[in-house]
Structures are given as structure tokens and as C-alpha cells.
Amino acid sequence: IGHTHNERTWSPSHGQPLSHEGYAELFETIEPRIFGEAGL
């Protein structure tokens, strides 16, 4: 899942984002790793 917005920062087209903890909890069978896009 690429370029999904972060609930804790502002974006011009925000949508309905989650925090990184919220995104991690969506996954039940495969553990995710989450990256800040700025470093990439």
C-alpha cells in the first residue's frame, strides 16, 4: 500500500487516513512494515 496519508499530518487531499498504528492493525495474517515516504 503506497502513498497512503497519515492521520497525524496535513495533506491537500487528506481523505480518511489512519495513524501508522491504525494501519498496522488492519493486517491479520501478514505482519506489515511501515515506512515514512520522505526517506524513500
PDB file of all heavy atoms in Angstrom:
ATOM      1  N   ILE A   1       0.886  -1.177   0.000  1.00  0.00           N
ATOM      2  CA  ILE A   1       0.000   0.000   0.000  1.00  0.00           C
ATOM      3  C   ILE A   1       0.914   1.214   0.000  1.00  0.00           C
ATOM      4  O   ILE A   1       1.631   1.469   0.972  1.00  0.00           O
ATOM      5  CB  ILE A   1      -0.938   0.006   1.213  1.00  0.00           C
ATOM      6  CG1 ILE A   1      -1.889  -1.196   1.147  1.00  0.00           C
ATOM      7  CG2 ILE A   1      -1.730   1.313   1.266  1.00  0.00           C
ATOM      8  CD1 ILE A   1      -2.783  -1.349   2.361  1.00  0.00           C
ATOM      9  N   GLY A   2       0.931   1.939  -1.102  1.00  0.00           N
ATOM     10  CA  GLY A   2       1.847   3.059  -1.264  1.00  0.00           C
ATOM     11  C   GLY A   2       1.153   4.403  -1.149  1.00  0.00           C
ATOM     12  O   GLY A   2      -0.019   4.555  -1.521  1.00  0.00           O
ATOM     13  N   HIS A   3       1.867   5.386  -0.645  1.00  0.00           N
ATOM     14  CA  HIS A   3       1.391   6.762  -0.513  1.00  0.00           C
ATOM     15  C   HIS A   3      -0.023   6.817   0.052  1.00  0.00           C
ATOM     16  O   HIS A   3      -0.965   7.301  -0.591  1.00  0.00           O
ATOM     17  CB  HIS A   3       1.444   7.505  -1.849  1.00  0.00           C
ATOM     18  CG  HIS A   3       1.229   8.990  -1.677  1.00  0.00           C
ATOM     19  ND1 HIS A   3       2.207   9.832  -1.209  1.00  0.00           N
ATOM     20  CD2 HIS A   3       0.135   9.777  -1.888  1.00  0.00           C
ATOM     21  CE1 HIS A   3       1.724  11.066  -1.140  1.00  0.00           C
ATOM     22  NE2 HIS A   3       0.470  11.052  -1.548  1.00  0.00           N
ATOM     23  N   THR A   4      -0.166   6.310   1.267  1.00  0.00           N
ATOM     24  CA  THR A   4      -1.427   6.494   1.982  1.00  0.00           C
ATOM     25  C   THR A   4      -1.197   7.564   3.042  1.00  0.00           C
ATOM     26  O   THR A   4      -0.168   7.578   3.723  1.00  0.00           O
ATOM     27  CB  THR A   4      -1.928   5.176   2.599  1.00  0.00           C
ATOM     28  OG1 THR A   4      -3.241   5.387   3.120  1.00  0.00           O
ATOM     29  CG2 THR A   4      -0.998   4.631   3.667  1.00  0.00           C
ATOM     30  N   HIS A   5      -2.116   8.496   3.159  1.00  0.00           N
ATOM     31  CA  HIS A   5      -1.894   9.663   4.006  1.00  0.00           C
ATOM     32  C   HIS A   5      -1.885   9.298   5.494  1.00  0.00           C
ATOM     33  O   HIS A   5      -2.432   8.271   5.901  1.00  0.00           O
ATOM     34  CB  HIS A   5      -2.963  10.720   3.727  1.00  0.00           C
ATOM     35  CG  HIS A   5      -2.844  11.324   2.366  1.00  0.00           C
ATOM     36  ND1 HIS A   5      -3.873  12.015   1.762  1.00  0.00           N
ATOM     37  CD2 HIS A   5      -1.812  11.338   1.482  1.00  0.00           C
ATOM     38  CE1 HIS A   5      -3.490  12.431   0.565  1.00  0.00           C
ATOM     39  NE2 HIS A   5      -2.243  12.026   0.374  1.00  0.00           N
ATOM     40  N   ASN A   6      -1.268  10.156   6.264  1.00  0.00           N
ATOM     41  CA  ASN A   6      -1.065   9.966   7.693  1.00  0.00           C
ATOM     42  C   ASN A   6      -2.058  10.848   8.460  1.00  0.00           C
ATOM     43  O   ASN A   6      -2.114  12.064   8.241  1.00  0.00           O
ATOM     44  CB  ASN A   6       0.379  10.346   8.055  1.00  0.00           C
ATOM     45  CG  ASN A   6       0.700  10.165   9.516  1.00  0.00           C
ATOM     46  OD1 ASN A   6      -0.125   9.730  10.308  1.00  0.00           O
ATOM     47  ND2 ASN A   6       1.929  10.509   9.886  1.00  0.00           N
ATOM     48  N   GLU A   7      -2.806  10.243   9.333  1.00  0.00           N
ATOM     49  CA  GLU A   7      -3.802  10.970  10.122  1.00  0.00           C
ATOM     50  C   GLU A   7      -3.175  12.125  10.910  1.00  0.00           C
ATOM     51  O   GLU A   7      -3.836  13.138  11.181  1.00  0.00           O
ATOM     52  CB  GLU A   7      -4.462   9.987  11.088  1.00  0.00           C
ATOM     53  CG  GLU A   7      -5.533  10.575  11.985  1.00  0.00           C
ATOM     54  CD  GLU A   7      -6.051   9.550  12.962  1.00  0.00           C
ATOM     55  OE1 GLU A   7      -5.231   8.999  13.742  1.00  0.00           O
ATOM     56  OE2 GLU A   7      -7.265   9.287  12.952  1.00  0.00           O
ATOM     57  N   ARG A   8      -1.898  12.023  11.271  1.00  0.00           N
ATOM     58  CA  ARG A   8      -1.273  12.982  12.174  1.00  0.00           C
ATOM     59  C   ARG A   8      -0.594  14.141  11.463  1.00  0.00           C
ATOM     60  O   ARG A   8       0.041  14.975  12.104  1.00  0.00           O
ATOM     61  CB  ARG A   8      -0.267  12.248  13.069  1.00  0.00           C
ATOM     62  CG  ARG A   8      -0.957  11.274  14.004  1.00  0.00           C
ATOM     63  CD  ARG A   8      -0.022  10.600  14.963  1.00  0.00           C
ATOM     64  NE  ARG A   8      -0.791   9.762  15.877  1.00  0.00           N
ATOM     65  CZ  ARG A   8      -0.467   8.519  16.195  1.00  0.00           C
ATOM     66  NH1 ARG A   8       0.628   7.968  15.691  1.00  0.00           N
ATOM     67  NH2 ARG A   8      -1.213   7.823  17.031  1.00  0.00           N
ATOM     68  N   THR A   9      -0.672  14.194  10.146  1.00  0.00           N
ATOM     69  CA  THR A   9      -0.139  15.343   9.407  1.00  0.00           C
ATOM     70  C   THR A   9      -1.173  15.818   8.405  1.00  0.00           C
ATOM     71  O   THR A   9      -2.073  15.071   8.015  1.00  0.00           O
ATOM     72  CB  THR A   9       1.171  14.991   8.662  1.00  0.00           C
ATOM     73  OG1 THR A   9       0.887  14.034   7.635  1.00  0.00           O
ATOM     74  CG2 THR A   9       2.221  14.428   9.604  1.00  0.00           C
ATOM     75  N   TRP A  10      -0.991  17.040   7.946  1.00  0.00           N
ATOM     76  CA  TRP A  10      -1.940  17.628   6.993  1.00  0.00           C
ATOM     77  C   TRP A  10      -1.541  17.269   5.566  1.00  0.00           C
ATOM     78  O   TRP A  10      -0.362  17.124   5.236  1.00  0.00           O
ATOM     79  CB  TRP A  10      -1.959  19.140   7.154  1.00  0.00           C
ATOM     80  CG  TRP A  10      -2.870  19.827   6.180  1.00  0.00           C
ATOM     81  CD1 TRP A  10      -4.211  20.025   6.296  1.00  0.00           C
ATOM     82  CD2 TRP A  10      -2.496  20.396   4.913  1.00  0.00           C
ATOM     83  NE1 TRP A  10      -4.708  20.679   5.193  1.00  0.00           N
ATOM     84  CE2 TRP A  10      -3.675  20.926   4.318  1.00  0.00           C
ATOM     85  CE3 TRP A  10      -1.282  20.497   4.223  1.00  0.00           C
ATOM     86  CZ2 TRP A  10      -3.670  21.547   3.089  1.00  0.00           C
ATOM     87  CZ3 TRP A  10      -1.276  21.117   2.979  1.00  0.00           C
ATOM     88  CH2 TRP A  10      -2.461  21.647   2.418  1.00  0.00           C
ATOM     89  N   SER A  11      -2.542  17.123   4.706  1.00  0.00           N
ATOM     90  CA  SER A  11      -2.308  16.879   3.281  1.00  0.00           C
ATOM     91  C   SER A  11      -3.365  17.641   2.493  1.00  0.00           C
ATOM     92  O   SER A  11      -4.504  17.796   2.962  1.00  0.00           O
ATOM     93  CB  SER A  11      -2.397  15.384   2.972  1.00  0.00           C
ATOM     94  OG  SER A  11      -2.375  15.157   1.585  1.00  0.00           O
ATOM     95  N   PRO A  12      -3.025  18.137   1.284  1.00  0.00           N
ATOM     96  CA  PRO A  12      -4.019  18.873   0.488  1.00  0.00           C
ATOM     97  C   PRO A  12      -5.248  18.042   0.124  1.00  0.00           C
ATOM     98  O   PRO A  12      -6.314  18.588  -0.100  1.00  0.00           O
ATOM     99  CB  PRO A  12      -3.232  19.272  -0.770  1.00  0.00           C
ATOM    100  CG  PRO A  12      -1.800  19.262  -0.352  1.00  0.00           C
ATOM    101  CD  PRO A  12      -1.690  18.156   0.658  1.00  0.00           C
ATOM    102  N   SER A  13      -5.099  16.717   0.040  1.00  0.00           N
ATOM    103  CA  SER A  13      -6.242  15.846  -0.296  1.00  0.00           C
ATOM    104  C   SER A  13      -6.275  14.714   0.725  1.00  0.00           C
ATOM    105  O   SER A  13      -5.903  13.582   0.434  1.00  0.00           O
ATOM    106  CB  SER A  13      -6.107  15.301  -1.713  1.00  0.00           C
ATOM    107  OG  SER A  13      -4.832  14.723  -1.927  1.00  0.00           O
ATOM    108  N   HIS A  14      -6.725  15.021   1.929  1.00  0.00           N
ATOM    109  CA  HIS A  14      -6.481  14.173   3.096  1.00  0.00           C
ATOM    110  C   HIS A  14      -7.170  12.810   3.028  1.00  0.00           C
ATOM    111  O   HIS A  14      -6.592  11.795   3.393  1.00  0.00           O
ATOM    112  CB  HIS A  14      -6.930  14.922   4.348  1.00  0.00           C
ATOM    113  CG  HIS A  14      -6.160  14.574   5.576  1.00  0.00           C
ATOM    114  ND1 HIS A  14      -4.795  14.463   5.597  1.00  0.00           N
ATOM    115  CD2 HIS A  14      -6.575  14.297   6.838  1.00  0.00           C
ATOM    116  CE1 HIS A  14      -4.386  14.156   6.815  1.00  0.00           C
ATOM    117  NE2 HIS A  14      -5.451  14.042   7.588  1.00  0.00           N
ATOM    118  N   GLY A  15      -8.422  12.761   2.577  1.00  0.00           N
ATOM    119  CA  GLY A  15      -9.159  11.512   2.600  1.00  0.00           C
ATOM    120  C   GLY A  15      -9.577  11.147   4.013  1.00  0.00           C
ATOM    121  O   GLY A  15      -9.852  12.011   4.852  1.00  0.00           O
ATOM    122  N   GLN A  16      -9.598   9.827   4.316  1.00  0.00           N
ATOM    123  CA  GLN A  16      -9.911   9.340   5.669  1.00  0.00           C
ATOM    124  C   GLN A  16      -8.743   8.475   6.138  1.00  0.00           C
ATOM    125  O   GLN A  16      -8.853   7.246   6.222  1.00  0.00           O
ATOM    126  CB  GLN A  16     -11.208   8.527   5.678  1.00  0.00           C
ATOM    127  CG  GLN A  16     -12.422   9.280   5.150  1.00  0.00           C
ATOM    128  CD  GLN A  16     -12.618   9.085   3.658  1.00  0.00           C
ATOM    129  OE1 GLN A  16     -12.367   8.029   3.109  1.00  0.00           O
ATOM    130  NE2 GLN A  16     -13.077  10.136   2.989  1.00  0.00           N
ATOM    131  N   PRO A  17      -7.594   9.112   6.442  1.00  0.00           N
ATOM    132  CA  PRO A  17      -6.393   8.335   6.772  1.00  0.00           C
ATOM    133  C   PRO A  17      -6.408   7.818   8.200  1.00  0.00           C
ATOM    134  O   PRO A  17      -7.225   8.240   9.030  1.00  0.00           O
ATOM    135  CB  PRO A  17      -5.273   9.347   6.568  1.00  0.00           C
ATOM    136  CG  PRO A  17      -5.901  10.653   6.937  1.00  0.00           C
ATOM    137  CD  PRO A  17      -7.328  10.551   6.454  1.00  0.00           C
ATOM    138  N   LEU A  18      -5.481   6.908   8.488  1.00  0.00           N
ATOM    139  CA  LEU A  18      -5.251   6.400   9.829  1.00  0.00           C
ATOM    140  C   LEU A  18      -3.842   6.778  10.270  1.00  0.00           C
ATOM    141  O   LEU A  18      -3.022   7.220   9.466  1.00  0.00           O
ATOM    142  CB  LEU A  18      -5.404   4.875   9.861  1.00  0.00           C
ATOM    143  CG  LEU A  18      -6.727   4.280   9.376  1.00  0.00           C
ATOM    144  CD1 LEU A  18      -6.668   2.757   9.462  1.00  0.00           C
ATOM    145  CD2 LEU A  18      -7.903   4.819  10.155  1.00  0.00           C
ATOM    146  N   SER A  19      -3.548   6.565  11.536  1.00  0.00           N
ATOM    147  CA  SER A  19      -2.178   6.665  12.029  1.00  0.00           C
ATOM    148  C   SER A  19      -1.420   5.406  11.621  1.00  0.00           C
ATOM    149  O   SER A  19      -2.017   4.419  11.162  1.00  0.00           O
ATOM    150  CB  SER A  19      -2.182   6.783  13.550  1.00  0.00           C
ATOM    151  OG  SER A  19      -2.707   5.579  14.124  1.00  0.00           O
ATOM    152  N   HIS A  20      -0.091   5.416  11.822  1.00  0.00           N
ATOM    153  CA  HIS A  20       0.667   4.216  11.454  1.00  0.00           C
ATOM    154  C   HIS A  20       0.252   3.021  12.312  1.00  0.00           C
ATOM    155  O   HIS A  20       0.215   1.880  11.833  1.00  0.00           O
ATOM    156  CB  HIS A  20       2.173   4.473  11.534  1.00  0.00           C
ATOM    157  CG  HIS A  20       2.697   4.810  12.892  1.00  0.00           C
ATOM    158  ND1 HIS A  20       3.108   3.850  13.799  1.00  0.00           N
ATOM    159  CD2 HIS A  20       2.894   6.006  13.511  1.00  0.00           C
ATOM    160  CE1 HIS A  20       3.536   4.440  14.901  1.00  0.00           C
ATOM    161  NE2 HIS A  20       3.416   5.755  14.758  1.00  0.00           N
ATOM    162  N   GLU A  21      -0.127   3.262  13.591  1.00  0.00           N
ATOM    163  CA  GLU A  21      -0.612   2.159  14.421  1.00  0.00           C
ATOM    164  C   GLU A  21      -1.934   1.601  13.872  1.00  0.00           C
ATOM    165  O   GLU A  21      -2.158   0.391  13.857  1.00  0.00           O
ATOM    166  CB  GLU A  21      -0.833   2.609  15.868  1.00  0.00           C
ATOM    167  CG  GLU A  21       0.417   3.088  16.586  1.00  0.00           C
ATOM    168  CD  GLU A  21       0.539   4.603  16.560  1.00  0.00           C
ATOM    169  OE1 GLU A  21      -0.028   5.233  15.637  1.00  0.00           O
ATOM    170  OE2 GLU A  21       1.177   5.145  17.471  1.00  0.00           O
ATOM    171  N   GLY A  22      -2.800   2.524  13.419  1.00  0.00           N
ATOM    172  CA  GLY A  22      -4.078   2.094  12.856  1.00  0.00           C
ATOM    173  C   GLY A  22      -3.900   1.267  11.603  1.00  0.00           C
ATOM    174  O   GLY A  22      -4.575   0.240  11.410  1.00  0.00           O
ATOM    175  N   TYR A  23      -2.986   1.690  10.729  1.00  0.00           N
ATOM    176  CA  TYR A  23      -2.730   0.914   9.519  1.00  0.00           C
ATOM    177  C   TYR A  23      -2.182  -0.468   9.867  1.00  0.00           C
ATOM    178  O   TYR A  23      -2.574  -1.481   9.272  1.00  0.00           O
ATOM    179  CB  TYR A  23      -1.742   1.651   8.620  1.00  0.00           C
ATOM    180  CG  TYR A  23      -2.327   2.828   7.870  1.00  0.00           C
ATOM    181  CD1 TYR A  23      -1.757   4.094   7.967  1.00  0.00           C
ATOM    182  CD2 TYR A  23      -3.441   2.679   7.050  1.00  0.00           C
ATOM    183  CE1 TYR A  23      -2.285   5.186   7.274  1.00  0.00           C
ATOM    184  CE2 TYR A  23      -3.978   3.759   6.351  1.00  0.00           C
ATOM    185  CZ  TYR A  23      -3.394   5.010   6.469  1.00  0.00           C
ATOM    186  OH  TYR A  23      -3.923   6.072   5.778  1.00  0.00           O
ATOM    187  N   ALA A  24      -1.279  -0.552  10.821  1.00  0.00           N
ATOM    188  CA  ALA A  24      -0.672  -1.838  11.182  1.00  0.00           C
ATOM    189  C   ALA A  24      -1.724  -2.825  11.682  1.00  0.00           C
ATOM    190  O   ALA A  24      -1.646  -4.033  11.396  1.00  0.00           O
ATOM    191  CB  ALA A  24       0.414  -1.632  12.240  1.00  0.00           C
ATOM    192  N   GLU A  25      -2.725  -2.321  12.408  1.00  0.00           N
ATOM    193  CA  GLU A  25      -3.726  -3.205  12.987  1.00  0.00           C
ATOM    194  C   GLU A  25      -4.723  -3.748  11.965  1.00  0.00           C
ATOM    195  O   GLU A  25      -5.514  -4.645  12.281  1.00  0.00           O
ATOM    196  CB  GLU A  25      -4.465  -2.485  14.116  1.00  0.00           C
ATOM    197  CG  GLU A  25      -3.591  -2.259  15.348  1.00  0.00           C
ATOM    198  CD  GLU A  25      -4.310  -1.536  16.468  1.00  0.00           C
ATOM    199  OE1 GLU A  25      -5.534  -1.281  16.314  1.00  0.00           O
ATOM    200  OE2 GLU A  25      -3.665  -1.233  17.477  1.00  0.00           O
ATOM    201  N   LEU A  26      -4.691  -3.229  10.743  1.00  0.00           N
ATOM    202  CA  LEU A  26      -5.576  -3.750   9.700  1.00  0.00           C
ATOM    203  C   LEU A  26      -5.177  -5.148   9.253  1.00  0.00           C
ATOM    204  O   LEU A  26      -5.999  -5.908   8.746  1.00  0.00           O
ATOM    205  CB  LEU A  26      -5.563  -2.815   8.482  1.00  0.00           C
ATOM    206  CG  LEU A  26      -6.102  -1.398   8.672  1.00  0.00           C
ATOM    207  CD1 LEU A  26      -5.848  -0.572   7.420  1.00  0.00           C
ATOM    208  CD2 LEU A  26      -7.588  -1.419   9.003  1.00  0.00           C
ATOM    209  N   PHE A  27      -3.906  -5.485   9.412  1.00  0.00           N
ATOM    210  CA  PHE A  27      -3.379  -6.734   8.879  1.00  0.00           C
ATOM    211  C   PHE A  27      -3.471  -7.837   9.935  1.00  0.00           C
ATOM    212  O   PHE A  27      -3.057  -7.644  11.077  1.00  0.00           O
ATOM    213  CB  PHE A  27      -1.928  -6.551   8.435  1.00  0.00           C
ATOM    214  CG  PHE A  27      -1.787  -5.667   7.229  1.00  0.00           C
ATOM    215  CD1 PHE A  27      -1.807  -4.279   7.356  1.00  0.00           C
ATOM    216  CD2 PHE A  27      -1.664  -6.209   5.961  1.00  0.00           C
ATOM    217  CE1 PHE A  27      -1.698  -3.460   6.247  1.00  0.00           C
ATOM    218  CE2 PHE A  27      -1.554  -5.401   4.849  1.00  0.00           C
ATOM    219  CZ  PHE A  27      -1.573  -4.022   4.989  1.00  0.00           C
ATOM    220  N   GLU A  28      -4.011  -8.996   9.521  1.00  0.00           N
ATOM    221  CA  GLU A  28      -4.236 -10.078  10.470  1.00  0.00           C
ATOM    222  C   GLU A  28      -3.385 -11.312  10.186  1.00  0.00           C
ATOM    223  O   GLU A  28      -3.115 -12.089  11.102  1.00  0.00           O
ATOM    224  CB  GLU A  28      -5.717 -10.475  10.473  1.00  0.00           C
ATOM    225  CG  GLU A  28      -6.630  -9.354  10.955  1.00  0.00           C
ATOM    226  CD  GLU A  28      -8.079  -9.783  11.045  1.00  0.00           C
ATOM    227  OE1 GLU A  28      -8.375 -10.944  10.674  1.00  0.00           O
ATOM    228  OE2 GLU A  28      -8.911  -8.976  11.480  1.00  0.00           O
ATOM    229  N   THR A  29      -2.988 -11.532   8.946  1.00  0.00           N
ATOM    230  CA  THR A  29      -2.265 -12.769   8.620  1.00  0.00           C
ATOM    231  C   THR A  29      -0.812 -12.531   8.232  1.00  0.00           C
ATOM    232  O   THR A  29      -0.017 -13.467   8.262  1.00  0.00           O
ATOM    233  CB  THR A  29      -2.966 -13.526   7.474  1.00  0.00           C
ATOM    234  OG1 THR A  29      -2.915 -12.751   6.268  1.00  0.00           O
ATOM    235  CG2 THR A  29      -4.418 -13.813   7.834  1.00  0.00           C
ATOM    236  N   ILE A  30      -0.455 -11.314   7.846  1.00  0.00           N
ATOM    237  CA  ILE A  30       0.923 -10.995   7.477  1.00  0.00           C
ATOM    238  C   ILE A  30       1.326  -9.723   8.212  1.00  0.00           C
ATOM    239  O   ILE A  30       0.633  -8.705   8.116  1.00  0.00           O
ATOM    240  CB  ILE A  30       1.096 -10.765   5.958  1.00  0.00           C
ATOM    241  CG1 ILE A  30       0.425 -11.861   5.137  1.00  0.00           C
ATOM    242  CG2 ILE A  30       2.587 -10.681   5.599  1.00  0.00           C
ATOM    243  CD1 ILE A  30       0.440 -11.614   3.642  1.00  0.00           C
ATOM    244  N   GLU A  31       2.425  -9.755   8.937  1.00  0.00           N
ATOM    245  CA  GLU A  31       2.859  -8.567   9.675  1.00  0.00           C
ATOM    246  C   GLU A  31       3.416  -7.528   8.704  1.00  0.00           C
ATOM    247  O   GLU A  31       4.307  -7.828   7.907  1.00  0.00           O
ATOM    248  CB  GLU A  31       3.932  -8.942  10.691  1.00  0.00           C
ATOM    249  CG  GLU A  31       4.391  -7.759  11.536  1.00  0.00           C
ATOM    250  CD  GLU A  31       5.441  -8.127  12.561  1.00  0.00           C
ATOM    251  OE1 GLU A  31       5.768  -9.330  12.660  1.00  0.00           O
ATOM    252  OE2 GLU A  31       5.940  -7.219  13.252  1.00  0.00           O
ATOM    253  N   PRO A  32       2.924  -6.286   8.771  1.00  0.00           N
ATOM    254  CA  PRO A  32       3.407  -5.259   7.853  1.00  0.00           C
ATOM    255  C   PRO A  32       4.615  -4.508   8.409  1.00  0.00           C
ATOM    256  O   PRO A  32       4.848  -4.474   9.622  1.00  0.00           O
ATOM    257  CB  PRO A  32       2.210  -4.314   7.736  1.00  0.00           C
ATOM    258  CG  PRO A  32       1.591  -4.375   9.106  1.00  0.00           C
ATOM    259  CD  PRO A  32       1.799  -5.798   9.594  1.00  0.00           C
ATOM    260  N   ARG A  33       5.368  -3.898   7.511  1.00  0.00           N
ATOM    261  CA  ARG A  33       6.396  -2.938   7.890  1.00  0.00           C
ATOM    262  C   ARG A  33       6.015  -1.606   7.249  1.00  0.00           C
ATOM    263  O   ARG A  33       5.666  -1.571   6.060  1.00  0.00           O
ATOM    264  CB  ARG A  33       7.783  -3.374   7.424  1.00  0.00           C
ATOM    265  CG  ARG A  33       8.893  -2.508   8.015  1.00  0.00           C
ATOM    266  CD  ARG A  33      10.286  -2.961   7.613  1.00  0.00           C
ATOM    267  NE  ARG A  33      10.620  -4.294   8.113  1.00  0.00           N
ATOM    268  CZ  ARG A  33      11.847  -4.801   8.061  1.00  0.00           C
ATOM    269  NH1 ARG A  33      12.846  -4.088   7.551  1.00  0.00           N
ATOM    270  NH2 ARG A  33      12.077  -6.016   8.517  1.00  0.00           N
ATOM    271  N   ILE A  34       6.091  -0.539   8.021  1.00  0.00           N
ATOM    272  CA  ILE A  34       5.611   0.766   7.559  1.00  0.00           C
ATOM    273  C   ILE A  34       6.789   1.728   7.446  1.00  0.00           C
ATOM    274  O   ILE A  34       7.632   1.815   8.344  1.00  0.00           O
ATOM    275  CB  ILE A  34       4.534   1.317   8.509  1.00  0.00           C
ATOM    276  CG1 ILE A  34       3.373   0.314   8.605  1.00  0.00           C
ATOM    277  CG2 ILE A  34       4.020   2.672   8.033  1.00  0.00           C
ATOM    278  CD1 ILE A  34       2.247   0.729   9.525  1.00  0.00           C
ATOM    279  N   PHE A  35       6.826   2.449   6.330  1.00  0.00           N
ATOM    280  CA  PHE A  35       7.923   3.367   6.024  1.00  0.00           C
ATOM    281  C   PHE A  35       7.374   4.782   5.866  1.00  0.00           C
ATOM    282  O   PHE A  35       6.307   4.986   5.267  1.00  0.00           O
ATOM    283  CB  PHE A  35       8.609   2.974   4.709  1.00  0.00           C
ATOM    284  CG  PHE A  35       9.162   1.581   4.684  1.00  0.00           C
ATOM    285  CD1 PHE A  35       8.349   0.496   4.362  1.00  0.00           C
ATOM    286  CD2 PHE A  35      10.499   1.339   4.966  1.00  0.00           C
ATOM    287  CE1 PHE A  35       8.852  -0.794   4.325  1.00  0.00           C
ATOM    288  CE2 PHE A  35      11.022   0.056   4.936  1.00  0.00           C
ATOM    289  CZ  PHE A  35      10.198  -1.011   4.620  1.00  0.00           C
ATOM    290  N   GLY A  36       8.126   5.770   6.356  1.00  0.00           N
ATOM    291  CA  GLY A  36       7.837   7.155   6.024  1.00  0.00           C
ATOM    292  C   GLY A  36       8.270   7.419   4.593  1.00  0.00           C
ATOM    293  O   GLY A  36       9.391   7.085   4.195  1.00  0.00           O
ATOM    294  N   GLU A  37       7.388   8.031   3.811  1.00  0.00           N
ATOM    295  CA  GLU A  37       7.693   8.193   2.390  1.00  0.00           C
ATOM    296  C   GLU A  37       8.854   9.161   2.153  1.00  0.00           C
ATOM    297  O   GLU A  37       9.559   9.056   1.147  1.00  0.00           O
ATOM    298  CB  GLU A  37       6.450   8.658   1.640  1.00  0.00           C
ATOM    299  CG  GLU A  37       6.603   8.599   0.130  1.00  0.00           C
ATOM    300  CD  GLU A  37       5.297   8.804  -0.588  1.00  0.00           C
ATOM    301  OE1 GLU A  37       4.439   7.910  -0.533  1.00  0.00           O
ATOM    302  OE2 GLU A  37       5.143   9.879  -1.204  1.00  0.00           O
ATOM    303  N   ALA A  38       9.088  10.089   3.080  1.00  0.00           N
ATOM    304  CA  ALA A  38      10.169  11.061   2.880  1.00  0.00           C
ATOM    305  C   ALA A  38      11.523  10.382   2.754  1.00  0.00           C
ATOM    306  O   ALA A  38      12.349  10.778   1.928  1.00  0.00           O
ATOM    307  CB  ALA A  38      10.176  12.067   4.032  1.00  0.00           C
ATOM    308  N   GLY A  39      11.777   9.354   3.567  1.00  0.00           N
ATOM    309  CA  GLY A  39      13.047   8.651   3.479  1.00  0.00           C
ATOM    310  C   GLY A  39      13.193   7.906   2.172  1.00  0.00           C
ATOM    311  O   GLY A  39      14.289   7.871   1.580  1.00  0.00           O
ATOM    312  N   LEU A  40      12.124   7.296   1.704  1.00  0.00           N
ATOM    313  CA  LEU A  40      12.166   6.601   0.408  1.00  0.00           C
ATOM    314  C   LEU A  40      12.393   7.597  -0.727  1.00  0.00           C
ATOM    315  O   LEU A  40      13.128   7.322  -1.680  1.00  0.00           O
ATOM    316  CB  LEU A  40      10.868   5.829   0.194  1.00  0.00           C
ATOM    317  CG  LEU A  40      10.519   4.777   1.260  1.00  0.00           C
ATOM    318  CD1 LEU A  40       9.144   4.172   0.982  1.00  0.00           C
ATOM    319  CD2 LEU A  40      11.574   3.692   1.327  1.00  0.00           C
TER     320      LEU A  40
END
